[in-house]
N, C-alpha and C. Protein backbone atom coordinates (compact mmCIF):
# COMPACT_ATOMS: atom_id res chain seq x y z
N MET A 1 93.24 71.05 100.56
CA MET A 1 92.61 71.22 101.52
C MET A 1 91.45 70.30 101.90
N LEU A 2 91.07 70.31 103.14
CA LEU A 2 89.86 69.83 103.59
C LEU A 2 88.05 69.88 103.06
N PHE A 3 88.16 70.74 102.82
CA PHE A 3 86.87 71.19 102.43
C PHE A 3 86.91 71.76 101.11
N ALA A 4 87.64 71.82 100.20
CA ALA A 4 88.04 71.95 98.90
C ALA A 4 86.81 71.90 97.86
N LYS A 5 86.58 70.41 98.30
CA LYS A 5 85.53 69.49 97.26
C LYS A 5 84.12 69.73 98.00
N SER A 6 84.15 70.48 98.95
CA SER A 6 82.39 71.30 99.58
C SER A 6 82.05 72.53 99.38
N ASN A 7 82.61 72.93 98.79
CA ASN A 7 82.22 74.76 98.62
C ASN A 7 80.74 74.95 98.58
N LYS A 8 80.23 74.04 97.58
CA LYS A 8 78.47 73.97 98.04
C LYS A 8 77.82 74.52 99.48
N SER A 9 78.20 72.88 100.35
CA SER A 9 78.57 73.21 101.97
C SER A 9 78.43 73.98 102.50
N ILE A 10 79.89 74.50 102.48
CA ILE A 10 80.55 75.67 103.03
C ILE A 10 79.41 77.30 102.72
N ALA A 11 79.28 77.04 101.80
CA ALA A 11 78.71 78.78 101.03
C ALA A 11 77.28 78.52 101.59
N LEU A 12 76.64 77.26 101.93
CA LEU A 12 75.50 77.16 102.96
C LEU A 12 75.40 77.45 104.28
N ILE A 13 76.28 76.83 104.88
CA ILE A 13 76.95 77.23 106.17
C ILE A 13 76.99 78.71 106.46
N ASP A 14 77.73 78.90 105.67
CA ASP A 14 77.62 80.52 105.56
C ASP A 14 76.51 81.26 105.70
N ARG A 15 75.86 80.79 104.94
CA ARG A 15 74.60 81.42 104.41
C ARG A 15 73.32 81.35 105.84
N PHE A 16 73.60 80.25 106.53
CA PHE A 16 72.77 79.89 107.90
C PHE A 16 73.48 80.11 109.14
N LEU A 17 74.60 80.54 109.51
CA LEU A 17 75.08 80.98 110.34
C LEU A 17 75.13 83.11 110.17
N ASN A 18 74.85 83.10 108.62
CA ASN A 18 74.25 84.95 108.71
C ASN A 18 73.18 85.30 109.16
N LEU A 19 72.32 83.68 109.19
CA LEU A 19 70.83 83.90 109.39
C LEU A 19 70.85 83.85 111.40
N VAL A 20 71.89 83.04 111.89
CA VAL A 20 71.72 83.13 113.36
C VAL A 20 71.99 84.40 113.76
N ASP A 21 73.09 85.47 112.92
CA ASP A 21 73.66 86.61 113.33
C ASP A 21 72.38 87.51 113.55
N GLN A 22 71.74 87.48 112.03
CA GLN A 22 70.84 88.00 111.78
C GLN A 22 69.50 87.96 112.99
N SER A 23 69.41 86.71 113.61
CA SER A 23 68.32 86.32 114.16
C SER A 23 68.33 87.37 115.90
N VAL A 24 69.54 87.25 116.42
CA VAL A 24 70.09 88.18 117.57
C VAL A 24 70.23 89.34 117.71
N LEU A 25 70.32 90.17 116.42
CA LEU A 25 69.81 91.24 115.96
C LEU A 25 68.84 91.21 116.34
N LEU A 26 68.42 90.88 115.24
CA LEU A 26 66.23 91.04 115.51
C LEU A 26 65.95 91.02 117.13
N PHE A 27 66.07 90.37 117.69
CA PHE A 27 66.08 90.04 118.92
C PHE A 27 66.13 91.30 120.33
N LYS A 28 67.64 91.63 119.41
CA LYS A 28 68.15 93.14 120.42
C LYS A 28 66.97 94.23 120.09
N GLU A 29 66.74 93.87 118.62
CA GLU A 29 66.23 95.41 118.49
C GLU A 29 64.87 95.48 118.88
N GLY A 30 64.10 93.90 118.77
CA GLY A 30 62.86 93.48 119.47
C GLY A 30 62.76 94.08 120.60
N VAL A 31 63.80 93.94 121.56
CA VAL A 31 63.25 94.18 122.76
C VAL A 31 63.51 95.40 123.26
N LYS A 32 63.92 96.31 122.66
CA LYS A 32 64.50 97.12 123.01
C LYS A 32 63.00 98.31 122.09
N ASN A 33 62.88 97.81 121.32
CA ASN A 33 61.05 98.42 120.65
C ASN A 33 60.08 98.11 121.54
N TYR A 34 60.00 96.46 122.39
CA TYR A 34 58.93 96.78 123.34
C TYR A 34 59.12 97.66 124.39
N LEU A 35 60.50 97.55 124.92
CA LEU A 35 60.66 98.51 125.99
C LEU A 35 60.44 100.18 125.95
N PHE A 36 60.85 100.49 124.42
CA PHE A 36 60.25 101.80 123.98
C PHE A 36 58.67 102.02 123.66
N ASN A 37 58.33 101.07 123.46
CA ASN A 37 56.77 100.75 123.22
C ASN A 37 56.45 101.30 121.53
N ASN A 38 57.50 100.65 121.10
CA ASN A 38 57.60 101.12 119.59
C ASN A 38 56.72 99.79 119.35
N THR A 39 55.31 99.62 118.96
CA THR A 39 54.50 98.18 118.91
C THR A 39 54.74 98.24 117.55
N ASP A 40 54.83 99.09 116.57
CA ASP A 40 54.79 98.67 115.14
C ASP A 40 55.81 97.73 114.60
N ASN A 41 57.36 98.62 115.10
CA ASN A 41 58.29 97.97 114.94
C ASN A 41 58.83 96.28 115.51
N PHE A 42 58.14 96.47 116.33
CA PHE A 42 58.04 95.39 117.66
C PHE A 42 57.39 94.16 116.80
N LYS A 43 56.28 94.58 116.30
CA LYS A 43 55.37 93.27 115.48
C LYS A 43 56.41 93.15 114.16
N ASN A 44 57.18 94.28 113.86
CA ASN A 44 58.17 93.81 112.67
C ASN A 44 58.88 92.89 113.02
N ASN A 45 59.65 93.13 114.10
CA ASN A 45 60.64 92.40 114.56
C ASN A 45 60.10 90.97 114.54
N LEU A 46 59.18 90.99 115.09
CA LEU A 46 58.63 89.25 115.26
C LEU A 46 58.06 88.79 114.21
N GLN A 47 57.57 89.05 113.09
CA GLN A 47 57.25 88.75 112.17
C GLN A 47 58.47 88.43 111.26
N SER A 48 60.11 89.04 111.45
CA SER A 48 60.96 88.69 110.83
C SER A 48 61.75 87.48 110.98
N LEU A 49 61.76 87.54 112.57
CA LEU A 49 62.39 86.20 113.47
C LEU A 49 61.38 85.07 112.78
N ALA A 50 59.98 85.16 112.82
CA ALA A 50 59.42 84.21 112.41
C ALA A 50 59.77 83.93 110.89
N ASN A 51 59.85 84.60 110.11
CA ASN A 51 60.02 84.15 108.39
C ASN A 51 61.63 83.49 108.42
N LEU A 52 62.31 84.42 109.30
CA LEU A 52 64.18 83.74 109.68
C LEU A 52 64.05 82.52 109.71
N GLU A 53 63.31 81.95 110.91
CA GLU A 53 63.26 80.70 111.34
C GLU A 53 62.79 79.62 109.95
N ILE A 54 62.10 80.02 109.33
CA ILE A 54 61.77 79.09 108.66
C ILE A 54 62.85 79.10 107.29
N GLU A 55 63.04 79.94 107.04
CA GLU A 55 64.22 79.86 106.13
C GLU A 55 65.39 79.56 106.66
N SER A 56 65.85 79.45 107.67
CA SER A 56 66.94 78.94 108.32
C SER A 56 66.86 77.10 108.09
N ASP A 57 65.69 76.63 108.46
CA ASP A 57 65.65 75.23 108.59
C ASP A 57 65.40 74.99 107.29
N THR A 58 65.13 75.55 106.35
CA THR A 58 65.11 74.91 105.02
C THR A 58 66.82 75.01 104.85
N ILE A 59 67.26 75.92 104.82
CA ILE A 59 69.06 76.06 104.71
C ILE A 59 69.79 74.50 105.22
N ARG A 60 68.98 74.59 106.51
CA ARG A 60 70.02 73.50 107.69
C ARG A 60 69.79 72.05 106.73
N LYS A 61 68.54 72.14 106.33
CA LYS A 61 68.23 70.26 105.70
C LYS A 61 68.76 70.51 104.56
N ASP A 62 68.84 71.52 103.84
CA ASP A 62 69.57 71.49 102.26
C ASP A 62 71.15 71.22 103.00
N ILE A 63 71.43 71.82 103.93
CA ILE A 63 73.21 71.26 104.30
C ILE A 63 73.14 70.22 104.61
N GLU A 64 72.37 69.45 105.36
CA GLU A 64 72.03 67.81 105.87
C GLU A 64 72.06 67.42 104.36
N ASN A 65 71.07 67.12 103.36
CA ASN A 65 71.02 66.92 102.46
C ASN A 65 72.35 66.63 101.76
N THR A 66 73.03 67.57 101.75
CA THR A 66 74.17 67.72 100.78
C THR A 66 75.43 67.40 101.15
N LEU A 67 74.90 67.22 102.41
CA LEU A 67 76.83 66.19 103.26
C LEU A 67 76.57 65.10 102.58
N TYR A 68 75.73 64.64 102.85
CA TYR A 68 74.84 62.96 103.27
C TYR A 68 75.04 62.10 101.53
N THR A 69 74.34 63.28 100.95
CA THR A 69 74.02 62.75 99.55
C THR A 69 75.45 62.73 98.84
N GLN A 70 76.44 63.62 98.81
CA GLN A 70 77.38 63.49 98.35
C GLN A 70 78.67 63.27 98.90
N SER A 71 78.48 62.54 100.04
CA SER A 71 79.08 61.64 100.72
C SER A 71 80.60 62.91 101.00
N LEU A 72 80.38 63.91 101.36
CA LEU A 72 81.13 64.90 102.04
C LEU A 72 81.61 65.09 103.26
N MET A 73 82.77 65.10 103.26
CA MET A 73 83.36 65.29 105.10
C MET A 73 82.61 64.28 106.04
N PRO A 74 82.41 63.43 105.68
CA PRO A 74 82.02 62.14 106.26
C PRO A 74 82.56 61.89 108.07
N GLN A 75 84.04 62.53 107.95
CA GLN A 75 84.90 62.35 109.36
C GLN A 75 84.22 63.33 110.26
N LEU A 76 84.03 64.32 109.69
CA LEU A 76 83.23 65.60 110.75
C LEU A 76 81.42 66.10 110.32
N ARG A 77 81.24 65.00 109.43
CA ARG A 77 79.82 65.45 109.08
C ARG A 77 78.77 65.45 110.86
N GLY A 78 79.35 64.43 111.36
CA GLY A 78 78.45 64.79 112.47
C GLY A 78 78.75 65.84 113.79
N ASP A 79 79.90 66.08 113.95
CA ASP A 79 80.08 67.03 114.16
C ASP A 79 79.89 68.64 114.17
N ILE A 80 79.54 68.54 112.14
CA ILE A 80 79.21 69.65 111.54
C ILE A 80 77.63 69.74 111.67
N MET A 81 76.88 68.73 111.95
CA MET A 81 75.38 68.61 112.11
C MET A 81 74.81 69.02 113.97
N ARG A 82 75.52 68.69 114.71
CA ARG A 82 75.68 69.00 115.90
C ARG A 82 75.92 70.50 115.88
N LEU A 83 77.12 71.18 115.43
CA LEU A 83 77.22 72.31 115.95
C LEU A 83 75.94 73.35 114.96
N LEU A 84 75.45 72.95 113.69
CA LEU A 84 74.15 73.23 113.03
C LEU A 84 73.16 73.54 113.90
N GLU A 85 72.85 72.17 114.88
CA GLU A 85 71.61 72.19 115.50
C GLU A 85 71.66 72.69 116.67
N GLU A 86 73.24 73.35 117.43
CA GLU A 86 73.28 74.17 118.60
C GLU A 86 73.25 75.76 117.74
N MET A 87 73.44 75.96 116.76
CA MET A 87 73.54 77.32 116.42
C MET A 87 71.99 77.55 116.06
N ASP A 88 71.20 76.20 115.79
CA ASP A 88 69.89 76.76 115.37
C ASP A 88 68.93 76.97 116.65
N ASN A 89 69.78 76.22 118.03
CA ASN A 89 69.05 76.70 119.26
C ASN A 89 69.17 78.24 119.66
N ILE A 90 70.08 78.73 119.13
CA ILE A 90 70.14 79.99 119.30
C ILE A 90 68.86 80.86 118.03
N ILE A 91 68.98 80.70 117.39
CA ILE A 91 67.82 81.09 116.32
C ILE A 91 66.07 80.61 116.90
N ASP A 92 66.30 79.65 117.11
CA ASP A 92 65.01 79.42 118.33
C ASP A 92 64.62 80.43 119.59
N LEU A 93 65.70 79.86 120.03
CA LEU A 93 65.27 80.89 121.54
C LEU A 93 65.31 82.50 121.32
N ALA A 94 65.91 82.96 120.41
CA ALA A 94 65.61 84.47 119.93
C ALA A 94 63.96 84.81 119.72
N LYS A 95 63.70 83.76 118.36
CA LYS A 95 62.19 84.09 118.17
C LYS A 95 61.34 83.52 119.47
N LYS A 96 61.43 82.79 120.09
CA LYS A 96 60.93 81.97 121.28
C LYS A 96 60.77 82.96 122.36
N ASN A 97 61.92 83.88 122.67
CA ASN A 97 61.81 84.61 124.06
C ASN A 97 61.18 86.18 123.12
N LEU A 98 61.06 86.58 122.30
CA LEU A 98 61.14 88.19 121.76
C LEU A 98 59.64 87.48 121.74
N PHE A 99 58.61 86.35 121.27
CA PHE A 99 57.36 86.02 121.70
C PHE A 99 56.64 85.86 122.79
N GLN A 100 57.85 85.66 123.81
CA GLN A 100 57.30 85.47 124.98
C GLN A 100 57.04 87.17 125.10
N PHE A 101 57.81 88.38 125.08
CA PHE A 101 57.11 89.45 125.24
C PHE A 101 55.91 89.85 124.81
N ASP A 102 55.80 89.24 123.73
CA ASP A 102 54.28 90.20 122.97
C ASP A 102 53.21 89.31 124.03
N VAL A 103 53.28 87.91 124.40
CA VAL A 103 52.37 87.20 124.64
C VAL A 103 52.29 87.35 126.35
N GLU A 104 53.25 87.83 126.97
CA GLU A 104 53.05 87.92 128.38
C GLU A 104 52.49 89.37 128.93
N MET A 105 53.92 90.06 128.23
CA MET A 105 53.87 91.81 127.79
C MET A 105 53.99 92.09 129.49
N PRO A 106 55.16 91.73 129.77
CA PRO A 106 55.62 92.65 131.11
C PRO A 106 56.03 93.41 131.45
N MET A 107 55.46 94.25 132.16
CA MET A 107 55.63 95.36 132.68
C MET A 107 57.10 95.74 133.50
N ILE A 108 57.96 96.48 132.33
CA ILE A 108 59.18 96.94 133.44
C ILE A 108 59.12 98.58 133.29
N PRO A 109 59.54 98.38 135.01
CA PRO A 109 59.57 99.90 135.41
C PRO A 109 60.43 100.79 135.02
N PRO A 110 60.42 101.96 134.51
CA PRO A 110 61.15 102.76 133.80
C PRO A 110 62.85 102.45 134.08
N GLY A 111 62.71 102.35 135.89
CA GLY A 111 64.11 102.37 136.50
C GLY A 111 64.94 101.31 136.10
N LEU A 112 64.32 99.99 135.07
CA LEU A 112 64.89 99.10 134.99
C LEU A 112 65.06 98.67 133.30
N ILE A 113 64.48 100.19 132.59
CA ILE A 113 64.45 99.85 131.09
C ILE A 113 66.21 99.85 130.50
N ASN A 114 66.79 100.85 131.07
CA ASN A 114 68.74 100.70 130.70
C ASN A 114 69.22 99.42 131.30
N ASP A 115 68.79 98.96 132.01
CA ASP A 115 69.44 97.59 132.72
C ASP A 115 69.23 96.42 131.72
N PHE A 116 67.68 96.50 131.77
CA PHE A 116 66.69 95.34 130.78
C PHE A 116 67.94 95.68 128.94
N ILE A 117 68.12 96.82 128.62
CA ILE A 117 68.71 97.02 127.23
C ILE A 117 70.03 96.37 127.34
N LYS A 118 71.01 96.72 128.34
CA LYS A 118 72.44 96.60 128.58
C LYS A 118 72.24 95.04 128.86
N LEU A 119 71.44 94.25 129.18
CA LEU A 119 71.75 92.70 129.48
C LEU A 119 71.42 92.02 128.35
N THR A 120 70.59 92.88 127.40
CA THR A 120 70.20 92.23 125.93
C THR A 120 71.34 92.41 125.11
N GLU A 121 72.13 93.93 125.09
CA GLU A 121 73.08 93.86 124.01
C GLU A 121 74.46 93.00 124.56
N ILE A 122 74.51 92.64 126.07
CA ILE A 122 75.59 92.27 126.42
C ILE A 122 75.38 90.18 126.16
N SER A 123 74.43 89.88 126.18
CA SER A 123 73.43 88.47 125.93
C SER A 123 73.63 88.01 124.62
N VAL A 124 73.76 89.51 124.01
CA VAL A 124 73.30 88.89 122.44
C VAL A 124 75.17 89.18 122.14
N SER A 125 75.57 89.93 122.47
CA SER A 125 77.24 89.90 122.27
C SER A 125 77.90 89.03 122.49
N SER A 126 77.48 87.47 122.94
CA SER A 126 77.63 86.34 123.02
C SER A 126 77.46 86.02 121.95
N ALA A 127 76.06 86.10 121.45
CA ALA A 127 76.12 84.82 120.33
C ALA A 127 76.59 85.58 119.08
N GLU A 128 76.80 86.93 119.13
CA GLU A 128 77.37 87.40 118.02
C GLU A 128 78.90 86.69 117.90
N SER A 129 79.48 86.84 118.85
CA SER A 129 80.59 86.43 118.54
C SER A 129 81.19 85.16 118.76
N ALA A 130 80.06 84.39 118.49
CA ALA A 130 79.70 82.77 118.48
C ALA A 130 80.22 82.47 116.80
N ILE A 131 79.26 83.32 116.27
CA ILE A 131 79.72 83.50 114.42
C ILE A 131 80.66 83.19 113.92
N PRO A 132 81.42 84.35 114.21
CA PRO A 132 82.82 83.93 113.74
C PRO A 132 84.03 83.00 113.89
N ALA A 133 83.44 82.47 115.04
CA ALA A 133 84.30 81.26 116.03
C ALA A 133 83.97 80.24 114.74
N ALA A 134 82.57 79.92 114.69
CA ALA A 134 81.94 78.59 113.83
C ALA A 134 82.30 79.10 112.55
N LYS A 135 82.66 80.23 111.67
CA LYS A 135 83.32 80.46 110.28
C LYS A 135 84.81 80.10 110.45
N SER A 136 85.18 80.26 111.54
CA SER A 136 87.13 80.03 111.45
C SER A 136 86.75 78.75 111.49
N TYR A 137 85.93 77.82 112.22
CA TYR A 137 86.36 76.10 111.98
C TYR A 137 86.50 76.03 110.56
N PHE A 138 85.99 76.36 109.61
CA PHE A 138 86.05 75.55 108.34
C PHE A 138 87.52 76.08 107.41
N ASN A 139 88.04 77.23 108.08
CA ASN A 139 89.36 77.94 107.68
C ASN A 139 90.36 78.19 107.87
N ASP A 140 90.51 78.40 109.22
CA ASP A 140 91.33 78.32 109.94
C ASP A 140 91.13 77.77 111.58
N PRO A 141 91.11 76.77 111.67
CA PRO A 141 90.81 75.83 112.88
C PRO A 141 91.20 76.42 113.99
N ALA A 142 93.19 76.46 113.85
CA ALA A 142 93.89 76.78 115.17
C ALA A 142 93.28 78.27 115.74
N SER A 143 92.35 79.30 114.83
CA SER A 143 91.68 80.06 115.49
C SER A 143 90.46 80.33 116.17
N VAL A 144 90.30 79.03 115.81
CA VAL A 144 88.93 78.90 117.13
C VAL A 144 89.10 79.61 118.49
N ASN A 145 89.80 78.85 118.96
CA ASN A 145 89.82 79.33 120.42
C ASN A 145 90.22 80.57 121.01
N GLU A 146 91.11 81.31 120.31
CA GLU A 146 91.45 82.55 120.74
C GLU A 146 90.02 83.66 120.23
N LYS A 147 88.92 82.93 119.11
CA LYS A 147 87.60 83.50 119.02
C LYS A 147 86.75 83.65 120.00
N ILE A 148 86.70 82.12 120.70
CA ILE A 148 85.83 81.81 121.61
C ILE A 148 85.52 82.00 123.00
N HIS A 149 86.76 83.18 123.37
CA HIS A 149 86.74 83.61 124.62
C HIS A 149 85.66 84.90 124.94
N ARG A 150 85.87 85.29 123.58
CA ARG A 150 84.70 86.76 123.80
C ARG A 150 83.76 85.84 123.68
N VAL A 151 83.26 84.85 123.56
CA VAL A 151 81.80 84.28 124.06
C VAL A 151 81.37 84.21 125.67
N TYR A 152 82.52 83.35 126.04
CA TYR A 152 82.57 83.36 127.26
C TYR A 152 82.72 84.65 128.45
N PHE A 153 83.84 85.24 127.58
CA PHE A 153 83.67 86.98 128.35
C PHE A 153 82.34 87.56 128.82
N TYR A 154 81.20 87.26 127.18
CA TYR A 154 80.32 88.18 127.44
C TYR A 154 79.43 87.31 128.57
N GLU A 155 79.41 85.97 127.93
CA GLU A 155 78.71 84.87 128.94
C GLU A 155 78.45 85.38 130.41
N LYS A 156 79.50 85.20 130.90
CA LYS A 156 80.14 85.87 132.03
C LYS A 156 79.24 86.89 132.78
N GLU A 157 79.58 87.82 131.67
CA GLU A 157 79.26 89.31 132.11
C GLU A 157 77.29 89.36 132.00
N THR A 158 76.93 88.75 131.14
CA THR A 158 75.32 88.76 131.20
C THR A 158 74.96 88.09 132.42
N ASP A 159 75.35 87.09 132.88
CA ASP A 159 75.19 86.36 134.42
C ASP A 159 75.48 87.32 135.58
N VAL A 160 76.23 88.07 135.75
CA VAL A 160 76.64 89.15 136.26
C VAL A 160 75.79 90.27 136.61
N LEU A 161 75.62 91.05 135.19
CA LEU A 161 74.38 91.80 135.55
C LEU A 161 73.35 91.74 135.38
N ALA A 162 72.63 90.06 134.95
CA ALA A 162 70.93 89.55 135.40
C ALA A 162 71.24 89.25 137.21
N ASP A 163 71.89 89.14 137.87
CA ASP A 163 72.10 88.72 139.15
C ASP A 163 71.96 90.20 139.39
N VAL A 164 72.75 91.06 139.10
CA VAL A 164 72.47 92.66 139.90
C VAL A 164 71.20 92.94 139.84
N ILE A 165 70.35 92.54 138.58
CA ILE A 165 68.67 92.81 138.03
C ILE A 165 68.46 92.53 139.44
N ARG A 166 68.20 91.15 139.05
CA ARG A 166 67.52 90.42 139.75
C ARG A 166 67.81 90.79 141.66
N ARG A 167 68.55 91.73 142.08
CA ARG A 167 68.71 91.96 143.40
C ARG A 167 68.00 93.17 143.77
N LYS A 168 68.06 93.61 142.36
CA LYS A 168 67.69 95.41 142.43
C LYS A 168 66.51 95.09 142.44
N ILE A 169 65.57 94.23 141.85
CA ILE A 169 64.25 93.86 141.61
C ILE A 169 64.09 93.44 142.65
N PHE A 170 64.15 92.54 143.84
CA PHE A 170 64.27 92.23 144.59
C PHE A 170 64.24 92.86 146.40
N ARG A 171 65.20 93.94 146.30
CA ARG A 171 65.57 94.68 147.50
C ARG A 171 65.60 95.81 147.03
N GLU A 172 65.06 96.16 146.29
CA GLU A 172 65.38 98.26 146.23
C GLU A 172 64.26 98.16 145.57
N MET A 173 63.04 97.62 144.96
CA MET A 173 62.04 97.98 144.82
C MET A 173 60.56 97.55 145.27
N PRO A 174 60.52 97.69 146.66
CA PRO A 174 59.57 97.57 147.59
C PRO A 174 58.10 97.53 146.74
N GLU A 175 57.72 98.92 146.11
CA GLU A 175 56.51 99.14 145.34
C GLU A 175 56.16 98.12 144.51
N LEU A 176 56.91 97.10 143.99
CA LEU A 176 56.71 95.94 143.20
C LEU A 176 55.43 95.03 144.14
N HIS A 177 54.35 94.54 143.21
CA HIS A 177 53.90 92.99 143.80
C HIS A 177 55.07 92.14 144.05
N LEU A 178 55.06 91.28 144.29
CA LEU A 178 56.03 89.75 144.26
C LEU A 178 55.82 89.32 143.20
N SER A 179 54.79 89.17 142.30
CA SER A 179 54.19 88.12 141.63
C SER A 179 55.07 88.90 140.34
N GLU A 180 54.98 90.19 140.55
CA GLU A 180 55.86 91.33 139.36
C GLU A 180 57.21 91.21 139.40
N LYS A 181 57.27 91.01 140.46
CA LYS A 181 59.04 90.67 140.68
C LYS A 181 59.63 89.27 139.90
N PHE A 182 58.63 88.26 140.51
CA PHE A 182 58.87 87.09 139.67
C PHE A 182 59.06 86.98 138.17
N HIS A 183 57.62 88.26 137.71
CA HIS A 183 57.70 87.73 136.01
C HIS A 183 58.89 88.79 135.74
N LEU A 184 59.53 89.65 136.14
CA LEU A 184 60.57 90.46 135.75
C LEU A 184 61.87 89.64 136.22
N ARG A 185 62.24 88.51 136.73
CA ARG A 185 63.00 87.55 136.85
C ARG A 185 63.13 86.73 135.65
N TYR A 186 61.77 86.69 135.69
CA TYR A 186 61.79 85.19 134.45
C TYR A 186 61.93 85.44 133.17
N PHE A 187 62.10 87.36 132.90
CA PHE A 187 62.16 87.79 131.49
C PHE A 187 63.55 88.10 131.67
N THR A 188 64.65 87.99 132.83
CA THR A 188 65.87 88.06 132.84
C THR A 188 66.70 86.63 132.30
N LEU A 189 65.80 85.79 132.93
CA LEU A 189 66.15 84.64 132.69
C LEU A 189 65.79 84.22 130.33
N HIS A 190 64.79 85.19 130.48
CA HIS A 190 64.71 84.26 129.01
C HIS A 190 66.10 84.98 128.12
N ILE A 191 66.30 86.46 128.52
CA ILE A 191 67.54 87.34 127.94
C ILE A 191 68.96 86.39 128.01
N GLU A 192 69.32 85.94 129.31
CA GLU A 192 70.18 85.16 129.35
C GLU A 192 70.69 83.59 128.74
N HIS A 193 69.45 83.47 128.24
CA HIS A 193 69.77 81.92 127.38
C HIS A 193 70.04 82.10 126.35
N ILE A 194 69.96 83.23 125.67
CA ILE A 194 70.38 83.73 124.43
C ILE A 194 72.33 82.95 124.99
N SER A 195 73.18 83.66 125.80
CA SER A 195 74.06 84.01 126.23
C SER A 195 74.24 82.07 126.54
N ASP A 196 73.62 81.70 127.05
CA ASP A 196 73.82 80.64 127.42
C ASP A 196 73.93 79.60 126.42
N SER A 197 72.94 79.89 125.45
CA SER A 197 73.04 78.85 124.20
C SER A 197 74.26 79.36 123.56
N ALA A 198 74.79 80.29 123.57
CA ALA A 198 76.02 80.81 122.97
C ALA A 198 77.31 80.02 123.58
N GLU A 199 77.48 79.81 125.00
CA GLU A 199 78.23 79.11 125.58
C GLU A 199 78.37 77.57 124.72
N LYS A 200 77.09 77.20 125.35
CA LYS A 200 77.24 75.47 124.26
C LYS A 200 77.82 75.80 123.04
N VAL A 201 77.48 76.48 121.96
CA VAL A 201 78.42 76.36 120.87
C VAL A 201 80.07 76.74 120.90
N ALA A 202 80.02 77.48 122.17
CA ALA A 202 81.83 77.75 122.17
C ALA A 202 82.20 76.22 122.46
N ASP A 203 81.31 75.65 123.70
CA ASP A 203 82.41 74.42 124.05
C ASP A 203 82.30 73.45 123.11
N LEU A 204 81.51 73.29 122.36
CA LEU A 204 81.33 72.21 120.86
C LEU A 204 82.51 72.40 120.21
N LEU A 205 82.78 74.12 119.98
CA LEU A 205 83.58 74.44 118.96
C LEU A 205 84.87 73.88 119.43
N SER A 206 85.04 74.11 120.73
CA SER A 206 86.43 74.19 121.15
C SER A 206 87.15 72.59 121.36
N ILE A 207 85.95 71.54 121.12
CA ILE A 207 86.40 70.62 121.40
C ILE A 207 86.45 70.05 119.35
N MET A 208 85.67 70.67 118.83
CA MET A 208 85.44 69.93 117.46
C MET A 208 87.20 70.97 116.64
N ALA A 209 87.35 71.60 117.22
CA ALA A 209 88.54 72.33 116.87
C ALA A 209 89.35 71.74 116.65
N ILE A 210 89.99 71.49 118.40
CA ILE A 210 91.15 69.94 118.81
C ILE A 210 90.90 69.00 117.71
N LYS A 211 90.03 67.89 117.64
CA LYS A 211 89.85 67.23 116.79
C LYS A 211 90.31 67.27 115.38
N ARG A 212 90.49 69.03 114.63
CA ARG A 212 90.64 68.99 113.16
C ARG A 212 92.12 69.08 113.30
N ILE A 213 92.69 69.59 114.42
CA ILE A 213 93.98 70.21 114.47
C ILE A 213 94.96 69.09 114.61
N VAL A 214 94.06 68.00 115.27
CA VAL A 214 95.14 66.99 116.18
C VAL A 214 95.37 65.74 114.85
């Protein structure tokens, strides 16, 4: 089997992908805690994300060192490192975007709270769907494409709902100042970026899977 001699690398990659999964779960929980003014829990989410980012960076470096020093999977090494980079972007976005809530403290009107929660859940679902697709690349590449369709589905649903929210903000909420509307639009984009990053992972996995199968 192609990865039979690479058990250590595969185990590290699996740990890394689990951290990606945890990061988007923390992001989703953090947004909810922000919206419902659960300040202590929100601060804990921020700290957990910061710690997780440090851990993921360490594991990613360990994976790179293992792949290169042991000359493992040389024909796939470049693709694997690029995949890890794209997955790492999801962690970075989750932390960066949640910290933006803490720094800028957007005022989310009560009438938009459920919309923002749903938007976050759908965007995170796109990223969550990329995890099993990435794992399947290493043990069942033929199944990658049937898994990444969920990434694309949730990414499109995120775009649709984000547009609905923006229309509501600019057309149905005259009580808001224009600056407040721009601020809210900005934060819908923050949340959307999670699914956009997952889409890039899916695009890359699609190409990588084809290269392994042919």
